[in-house]
PDB file of N, CA and C in Angstrom:
ATOM      1  N   MET A   1     -35.402  86.378  15.672  1.00  0.00           N
ATOM      2  CA  MET A   1     -35.323  84.955  15.890  1.00  0.00           C
ATOM      3  C   MET A   1     -35.293  84.636  17.375  1.00  0.00           C
ATOM      4  N   VAL A   2     -34.653  85.474  18.140  1.00  0.00           N
ATOM      5  CA  VAL A   2     -34.604  85.254  19.583  1.00  0.00           C
ATOM      6  C   VAL A   2     -36.013  85.346  20.172  1.00  0.00           C
ATOM      7  N   ALA A   3     -36.820  86.262  19.668  1.00  0.00           N
ATOM      8  CA  ALA A   3     -38.196  86.400  20.160  1.00  0.00           C
ATOM      9  C   ALA A   3     -38.981  85.115  19.918  1.00  0.00           C
ATOM     10  N   GLY A   4     -38.750  84.457  18.797  1.00  0.00           N
ATOM     11  CA  GLY A   4     -39.436  83.203  18.501  1.00  0.00           C
ATOM     12  C   GLY A   4     -39.050  82.101  19.459  1.00  0.00           C
ATOM     13  N   ILE A   5     -37.782  82.010  19.793  1.00  0.00           N
ATOM     14  CA  ILE A   5     -37.318  80.965  20.709  1.00  0.00           C
ATOM     15  C   ILE A   5     -37.823  81.227  22.124  1.00  0.00           C
ATOM     16  N   VAL A   6     -37.778  82.481  22.558  1.00  0.00           N
ATOM     17  CA  VAL A   6     -38.269  82.825  23.892  1.00  0.00           C
ATOM     18  C   VAL A   6     -39.777  82.605  23.977  1.00  0.00           C
ATOM     19  N   ALA A   7     -40.505  82.997  22.936  1.00  0.00           N
ATOM     20  CA  ALA A   7     -41.957  82.787  22.917  1.00  0.00           C
ATOM     21  C   ALA A   7     -42.283  81.299  22.949  1.00  0.00           C
ATOM     22  N   ASN A   8     -41.541  80.509  22.212  1.00  0.00           N
ATOM     23  CA  ASN A   8     -41.765  79.058  22.202  1.00  0.00           C
ATOM     24  C   ASN A   8     -41.549  78.474  23.588  1.00  0.00           C
ATOM     25  N   ALA A   9     -40.469  78.841  24.222  1.00  0.00           N
ATOM     26  CA  ALA A   9     -40.159  78.295  25.542  1.00  0.00           C
ATOM     27  C   ALA A   9     -41.178  78.725  26.595  1.00  0.00           C
ATOM     28  N   SER A  10     -41.662  79.949  26.496  1.00  0.00           N
ATOM     29  CA  SER A  10     -42.585  80.431  27.527  1.00  0.00           C
ATOM     30  C   SER A  10     -44.037  80.028  27.271  1.00  0.00           C
ATOM     31  N   LEU A  11     -44.414  79.742  26.030  1.00  0.00           N
ATOM     32  CA  LEU A  11     -45.809  79.435  25.716  1.00  0.00           C
ATOM     33  C   LEU A  11     -46.098  77.958  25.501  1.00  0.00           C
ATOM     34  N   ILE A  12     -45.097  77.116  25.459  1.00  0.00           N
ATOM     35  CA  ILE A  12     -45.316  75.719  25.080  1.00  0.00           C
ATOM     36  C   ILE A  12     -46.253  75.002  26.051  1.00  0.00           C
ATOM     37  N   THR A  13     -46.186  75.317  27.333  1.00  0.00           N
ATOM     38  CA  THR A  13     -47.078  74.655  28.285  1.00  0.00           C
ATOM     39  C   THR A  13     -48.446  75.319  28.335  1.00  0.00           C
ATOM     40  N   THR A  14     -48.567  76.534  27.842  1.00  0.00           N
ATOM     41  CA  THR A  14     -49.836  77.260  27.873  1.00  0.00           C
ATOM     42  C   THR A  14     -50.695  76.969  26.650  1.00  0.00           C
ATOM     43  N   VAL A  15     -50.128  77.127  25.460  1.00  0.00           N
ATOM     44  CA  VAL A  15     -50.908  76.958  24.233  1.00  0.00           C
ATOM     45  C   VAL A  15     -50.636  75.638  23.527  1.00  0.00           C
ATOM     46  N   GLY A  16     -49.682  74.866  24.016  1.00  0.00           N
ATOM     47  CA  GLY A  16     -49.383  73.576  23.422  1.00  0.00           C
ATOM     48  C   GLY A  16     -48.237  73.629  22.434  1.00  0.00           C
ATOM     49  N   PHE A  17     -47.774  72.457  22.090  1.00  0.00           N
ATOM     50  CA  PHE A  17     -46.604  72.307  21.223  1.00  0.00           C
ATOM     51  C   PHE A  17     -46.848  72.867  19.828  1.00  0.00           C
ATOM     52  N   ILE A  18     -47.978  72.540  19.234  1.00  0.00           N
ATOM     53  CA  ILE A  18     -48.219  72.898  17.828  1.00  0.00           C
ATOM     54  C   ILE A  18     -48.286  74.407  17.646  1.00  0.00           C
ATOM     55  N   LEU A  19     -49.112  75.084  18.431  1.00  0.00           N
ATOM     56  CA  LEU A  19     -49.234  76.534  18.271  1.00  0.00           C
ATOM     57  C   LEU A  19     -47.960  77.267  18.669  1.00  0.00           C
ATOM     58  N   SER A  20     -47.289  76.778  19.699  1.00  0.00           N
ATOM     59  CA  SER A  20     -46.047  77.400  20.129  1.00  0.00           C
ATOM     60  C   SER A  20     -44.962  77.283  19.051  1.00  0.00           C
ATOM     61  N   CYS A  21     -44.848  76.106  18.449  1.00  0.00           N
ATOM     62  CA  CYS A  21     -43.858  75.917  17.385  1.00  0.00           C
ATOM     63  C   CYS A  21     -44.217  76.688  16.121  1.00  0.00           C
ATOM     64  N   ALA A  22     -45.511  76.809  15.828  1.00  0.00           N
ATOM     65  CA  ALA A  22     -45.927  77.598  14.671  1.00  0.00           C
ATOM     66  C   ALA A  22     -45.564  79.064  14.857  1.00  0.00           C
ATOM     67  N   LEU A  23     -45.756  79.590  16.058  1.00  0.00           N
ATOM     68  CA  LEU A  23     -45.365  80.963  16.347  1.00  0.00           C
ATOM     69  C   LEU A  23     -43.856  81.132  16.240  1.00  0.00           C
ATOM     70  N   CYS A  24     -43.112  80.170  16.759  1.00  0.00           N
ATOM     71  CA  CYS A  24     -41.647  80.211  16.670  1.00  0.00           C
ATOM     72  C   CYS A  24     -41.201  80.218  15.211  1.00  0.00           C
ATOM     73  N   PHE A  25     -41.825  79.372  14.392  1.00  0.00           N
ATOM     74  CA  PHE A  25     -41.486  79.313  12.971  1.00  0.00           C
ATOM     75  C   PHE A  25     -41.772  80.646  12.286  1.00  0.00           C
ATOM     76  N   ALA A  26     -42.955  81.216  12.539  1.00  0.00           N
ATOM     77  CA  ALA A  26     -43.328  82.479  11.899  1.00  0.00           C
ATOM     78  C   ALA A  26     -42.373  83.608  12.295  1.00  0.00           C
ATOM     79  N   LEU A  27     -42.016  83.674  13.574  1.00  0.00           N
ATOM     80  CA  LEU A  27     -41.092  84.724  14.010  1.00  0.00           C
ATOM     81  C   LEU A  27     -39.675  84.496  13.485  1.00  0.00           C
ATOM     82  N   ALA A  28     -39.260  83.246  13.386  1.00  0.00           N
ATOM     83  CA  ALA A  28     -37.925  82.951  12.856  1.00  0.00           C
ATOM     84  C   ALA A  28     -37.833  83.309  11.377  1.00  0.00           C
ATOM     85  N   VAL A  29     -38.863  82.989  10.610  1.00  0.00           N
ATOM     86  CA  VAL A  29     -38.865  83.329   9.186  1.00  0.00           C
ATOM     87  C   VAL A  29     -38.853  84.841   9.009  1.00  0.00           C
ATOM     88  N   ARG A  30     -39.629  85.536   9.834  1.00  0.00           N
ATOM     89  CA  ARG A  30     -39.635  87.003   9.768  1.00  0.00           C
ATOM     90  C   ARG A  30     -38.240  87.560  10.080  1.00  0.00           C
ATOM     91  N   GLY A  31     -37.590  87.013  11.101  1.00  0.00           N
ATOM     92  CA  GLY A  31     -36.248  87.459  11.453  1.00  0.00           C
ATOM     93  C   GLY A  31     -35.235  87.197  10.344  1.00  0.00           C
ATOM     94  N   LEU A  32     -35.354  86.053   9.691  1.00  0.00           N
ATOM     95  CA  LEU A  32     -34.442  85.750   8.582  1.00  0.00           C
ATOM     96  C   LEU A  32     -34.673  86.681   7.396  1.00  0.00           C
ATOM     97  N   ARG A  33     -35.938  87.003   7.123  1.00  0.00           N
ATOM     98  CA  ARG A  33     -36.219  87.959   6.049  1.00  0.00           C
ATOM     99  C   ARG A  33     -35.616  89.326   6.364  1.00  0.00           C
ATOM    100  N   LEU A  34     -35.800  89.779   7.595  1.00  0.00           N
ATOM    101  CA  LEU A  34     -35.252  91.077   7.975  1.00  0.00           C
ATOM    102  C   LEU A  34     -33.725  91.068   7.945  1.00  0.00           C
ATOM    103  N   ALA A  35     -33.106  89.951   8.290  1.00  0.00           N
ATOM    104  CA  ALA A  35     -31.645  89.854   8.257  1.00  0.00           C
ATOM    105  C   ALA A  35     -31.115  89.929   6.832  1.00  0.00           C
ATOM    106  N   GLU A  36     -31.919  89.466   5.870  1.00  0.00           N
ATOM    107  CA  GLU A  36     -31.529  89.568   4.461  1.00  0.00           C
ATOM    108  C   GLU A  36     -31.746  90.957   3.894  1.00  0.00           C
ATOM    109  N   GLY A  37     -32.436  91.817   4.640  1.00  0.00           N
ATOM    110  CA  GLY A  37     -32.712  93.153   4.158  1.00  0.00           C
ATOM    111  C   GLY A  37     -34.029  93.254   3.401  1.00  0.00           C
ATOM    112  N   ARG A  38     -34.806  92.190   3.410  1.00  0.00           N
ATOM    113  CA  ARG A  38     -36.115  92.207   2.761  1.00  0.00           C
ATOM    114  C   ARG A  38     -37.169  92.634   3.774  1.00  0.00           C
ATOM    115  N   PRO A  39     -38.337  93.067   3.295  1.00  0.00           N
ATOM    116  CA  PRO A  39     -39.409  93.411   4.239  1.00  0.00           C
ATOM    117  C   PRO A  39     -39.854  92.172   5.008  1.00  0.00           C
ATOM    118  N   GLY A  40     -40.208  92.371   6.267  1.00  0.00           N
ATOM    119  CA  GLY A  40     -40.613  91.259   7.114  1.00  0.00           C
ATOM    120  C   GLY A  40     -41.901  90.604   6.679  1.00  0.00           C
ATOM    121  N   GLY A  41     -42.767  91.354   6.026  1.00  0.00           N
ATOM    122  CA  GLY A  41     -44.031  90.809   5.564  1.00  0.00           C
ATOM    123  C   GLY A  41     -45.189  91.380   6.342  1.00  0.00           C
ATOM    124  N   GLY A  42     -46.319  91.416   5.698  1.00  0.00           N
ATOM    125  CA  GLY A  42     -47.515  91.940   6.336  1.00  0.00           C
ATOM    126  C   GLY A  42     -48.309  90.839   7.007  1.00  0.00           C
ATOM    127  N   LEU A  43     -49.573  91.121   7.215  1.00  0.00           N
ATOM    128  CA  LEU A  43     -50.454  90.182   7.900  1.00  0.00           C
ATOM    129  C   LEU A  43     -50.657  88.906   7.087  1.00  0.00           C
ATOM    130  N   ARG A  44     -50.781  89.051   5.779  1.00  0.00           N
ATOM    131  CA  ARG A  44     -50.985  87.874   4.927  1.00  0.00           C
ATOM    132  C   ARG A  44     -49.760  86.961   4.944  1.00  0.00           C
ATOM    133  N   ARG A  45     -48.595  87.531   4.821  1.00  0.00           N
ATOM    134  CA  ARG A  45     -47.357  86.744   4.833  1.00  0.00           C
ATOM    135  C   ARG A  45     -47.166  86.062   6.187  1.00  0.00           C
ATOM    136  N   THR A  46     -47.471  86.778   7.272  1.00  0.00           N
ATOM    137  CA  THR A  46     -47.342  86.197   8.606  1.00  0.00           C
ATOM    138  C   THR A  46     -48.333  85.052   8.790  1.00  0.00           C
ATOM    139  N   GLY A  47     -49.543  85.212   8.265  1.00  0.00           N
ATOM    140  CA  GLY A  47     -50.530  84.131   8.321  1.00  0.00           C
ATOM    141  C   GLY A  47     -50.081  82.907   7.545  1.00  0.00           C
ATOM    142  N   THR A  48     -49.479  83.130   6.386  1.00  0.00           N
ATOM    143  CA  THR A  48     -48.947  82.022   5.592  1.00  0.00           C
ATOM    144  C   THR A  48     -47.813  81.322   6.332  1.00  0.00           C
ATOM    145  N   ASP A  49     -46.955  82.098   6.964  1.00  0.00           N
ATOM    146  CA  ASP A  49     -45.855  81.510   7.741  1.00  0.00           C
ATOM    147  C   ASP A  49     -46.387  80.709   8.923  1.00  0.00           C
ATOM    148  N   ALA A  50     -47.414  81.222   9.597  1.00  0.00           N
ATOM    149  CA  ALA A  50     -48.002  80.498  10.725  1.00  0.00           C
ATOM    150  C   ALA A  50     -48.671  79.205  10.257  1.00  0.00           C
ATOM    151  N   ALA A  51     -49.359  79.259   9.122  1.00  0.00           N
ATOM    152  CA  ALA A  51     -49.993  78.050   8.574  1.00  0.00           C
ATOM    153  C   ALA A  51     -48.941  77.014   8.191  1.00  0.00           C
ATOM    154  N   THR A  52     -47.833  77.464   7.634  1.00  0.00           N
ATOM    155  CA  THR A  52     -46.741  76.553   7.302  1.00  0.00           C
ATOM    156  C   THR A  52     -46.154  75.947   8.572  1.00  0.00           C
ATOM    157  N   GLY A  53     -46.017  76.767   9.609  1.00  0.00           N
ATOM    158  CA  GLY A  53     -45.525  76.265  10.887  1.00  0.00           C
ATOM    159  C   GLY A  53     -46.440  75.206  11.480  1.00  0.00           C
ATOM    160  N   ILE A  54     -47.758  75.412  11.368  1.00  0.00           N
ATOM    161  CA  ILE A  54     -48.713  74.413  11.850  1.00  0.00           C
ATOM    162  C   ILE A  54     -48.611  73.142  11.019  1.00  0.00           C
ATOM    163  N   ALA A  55     -48.459  73.300   9.706  1.00  0.00           N
ATOM    164  CA  ALA A  55     -48.346  72.131   8.827  1.00  0.00           C
ATOM    165  C   ALA A  55     -47.090  71.312   9.123  1.00  0.00           C
ATOM    166  N   ILE A  56     -46.070  71.946   9.637  1.00  0.00           N
ATOM    167  CA  ILE A  56     -44.848  71.228  10.001  1.00  0.00           C
ATOM    168  C   ILE A  56     -44.956  70.656  11.416  1.00  0.00           C
ATOM    169  N   ALA A  57     -45.481  71.448  12.352  1.00  0.00           N
ATOM    170  CA  ALA A  57     -45.504  71.043  13.760  1.00  0.00           C
ATOM    171  C   ALA A  57     -46.525  69.954  14.064  1.00  0.00           C
ATOM    172  N   ALA A  58     -47.656  69.948  13.369  1.00  0.00           N
ATOM    173  CA  ALA A  58     -48.699  68.956  13.667  1.00  0.00           C
ATOM    174  C   ALA A  58     -48.235  67.518  13.420  1.00  0.00           C
ATOM    175  N   PRO A  59     -47.638  67.203  12.257  1.00  0.00           N
ATOM    176  CA  PRO A  59     -47.144  65.835  12.085  1.00  0.00           C
ATOM    177  C   PRO A  59     -45.999  65.476  13.041  1.00  0.00           C
ATOM    178  N   VAL A  60     -45.171  66.455  13.377  1.00  0.00           N
ATOM    179  CA  VAL A  60     -44.085  66.201  14.324  1.00  0.00           C
ATOM    180  C   VAL A  60     -44.666  65.867  15.694  1.00  0.00           C
ATOM    181  N   PHE A  61     -45.673  66.638  16.124  1.00  0.00           N
ATOM    182  CA  PHE A  61     -46.326  66.366  17.404  1.00  0.00           C
ATOM    183  C   PHE A  61     -46.945  64.980  17.397  1.00  0.00           C
ATOM    184  N   TRP A  62     -47.658  64.643  16.344  1.00  0.00           N
ATOM    185  CA  TRP A  62     -48.297  63.342  16.252  1.00  0.00           C
ATOM    186  C   TRP A  62     -47.256  62.220  16.288  1.00  0.00           C
ATOM    187  N   MET A  63     -46.167  62.393  15.550  1.00  0.00           N
ATOM    188  CA  MET A  63     -45.135  61.363  15.498  1.00  0.00           C
ATOM    189  C   MET A  63     -44.490  61.159  16.870  1.00  0.00           C
ATOM    190  N   PHE A  64     -44.184  62.252  17.559  1.00  0.00           N
ATOM    191  CA  PHE A  64     -43.566  62.122  18.870  1.00  0.00           C
ATOM    192  C   PHE A  64     -44.512  61.494  19.885  1.00  0.00           C
ATOM    193  N   THR A  65     -45.784  61.912  19.892  1.00  0.00           N
ATOM    194  CA  THR A  65     -46.698  61.419  20.923  1.00  0.00           C
ATOM    195  C   THR A  65     -47.250  60.032  20.616  1.00  0.00           C
ATOM    196  N   GLN A  66     -47.548  59.743  19.367  1.00  0.00           N
ATOM    197  CA  GLN A  66     -48.195  58.478  19.035  1.00  0.00           C
ATOM    198  C   GLN A  66     -47.197  57.378  18.678  1.00  0.00           C
ATOM    199  N   LEU A  67     -46.211  57.691  17.874  1.00  0.00           N
ATOM    200  CA  LEU A  67     -45.262  56.664  17.441  1.00  0.00           C
ATOM    201  C   LEU A  67     -44.115  56.446  18.420  1.00  0.00           C
ATOM    202  N   LEU A  68     -43.583  57.515  18.968  1.00  0.00           N
ATOM    203  CA  LEU A  68     -42.437  57.404  19.866  1.00  0.00           C
ATOM    204  C   LEU A  68     -42.828  57.391  21.338  1.00  0.00           C
ATOM    205  N   ALA A  69     -44.104  57.672  21.635  1.00  0.00           N
ATOM    206  CA  ALA A  69     -44.632  57.700  23.007  1.00  0.00           C
ATOM    207  C   ALA A  69     -43.869  58.675  23.903  1.00  0.00           C
ATOM    208  N   ILE A  70     -43.523  59.825  23.342  1.00  0.00           N
ATOM    209  CA  ILE A  70     -42.886  60.892  24.107  1.00  0.00           C
ATOM    210  C   ILE A  70     -43.958  61.943  24.385  1.00  0.00           C
ATOM    211  N   ASN A  71     -44.135  62.290  25.643  1.00  0.00           N
ATOM    212  CA  ASN A  71     -45.177  63.247  26.012  1.00  0.00           C
ATOM    213  C   ASN A  71     -44.730  64.665  25.737  1.00  0.00           C
ATOM    214  N   LEU A  72     -45.480  65.344  24.887  1.00  0.00           N
ATOM    215  CA  LEU A  72     -45.279  66.758  24.621  1.00  0.00           C
ATOM    216  C   LEU A  72     -46.518  67.490  25.099  1.00  0.00           C
ATOM    217  N   PRO A  73     -46.374  68.756  25.538  1.00  0.00           N
ATOM    218  CA  PRO A  73     -47.554  69.477  25.989  1.00  0.00           C
ATOM    219  C   PRO A  73     -48.525  69.724  24.846  1.00  0.00           C
ATOM    220  N   GLY A  74     -49.756  69.346  25.049  1.00  0.00           N
ATOM    221  CA  GLY A  74     -50.780  69.518  24.037  1.00  0.00           C
ATOM    222  C   GLY A  74     -51.807  70.529  24.456  1.00  0.00           C
ATOM    223  N   LEU A  75     -52.685  70.861  23.551  1.00  0.00           N
ATOM    224  CA  LEU A  75     -53.741  71.833  23.827  1.00  0.00           C
ATOM    225  C   LEU A  75     -54.938  71.157  24.478  1.00  0.00           C
ATOM    226  N   THR A  76     -55.167  69.885  24.176  1.00  0.00           N
ATOM    227  CA  THR A  76     -56.278  69.155  24.761  1.00  0.00           C
ATOM    228  C   THR A  76     -55.740  67.942  25.526  1.00  0.00           C
ATOM    229  N   ALA A  77     -56.592  67.344  26.331  1.00  0.00           N
ATOM    230  CA  ALA A  77     -56.175  66.187  27.120  1.00  0.00           C
ATOM    231  C   ALA A  77     -56.162  64.901  26.296  1.00  0.00           C
ATOM    232  N   THR A  78     -56.744  64.902  25.094  1.00  0.00           N
ATOM    233  CA  THR A  78     -56.814  63.692  24.294  1.00  0.00           C
ATOM    234  C   THR A  78     -55.471  63.308  23.687  1.00  0.00           C
ATOM    235  N   GLY A  79     -54.574  64.262  23.539  1.00  0.00           N
ATOM    236  CA  GLY A  79     -53.275  63.976  22.975  1.00  0.00           C
ATOM    237  C   GLY A  79     -53.213  64.133  21.469  1.00  0.00           C
ATOM    238  N   TRP A  80     -54.307  64.550  20.842  1.00  0.00           N
ATOM    239  CA  TRP A  80     -54.295  64.726  19.384  1.00  0.00           C
ATOM    240  C   TRP A  80     -54.055  66.157  18.960  1.00  0.00           C
ATOM    241  N   LEU A  81     -54.178  67.100  19.843  1.00  0.00           N
ATOM    242  CA  LEU A  81     -53.922  68.505  19.545  1.00  0.00           C
ATOM    243  C   LEU A  81     -53.048  69.103  20.626  1.00  0.00           C
TER     244      LEU A  81
END
């Protein structure tokens, strides 16, 4: 879980809010699985976790930037990604 938080903090300005938060989510879920004593998951499970992270982070990014007018680092200059 610590790796997810550190990765999020260090990559947010490079890859943008959505991808950085998706990576943080995937690493946090993996850490929680390992803490329970379950397998961390393979490539398919990690891909599913990353897709879930994107599905959560994209609406949050849109809500913060468009509705609340709070600037978050994005991947493009348009403000939609």
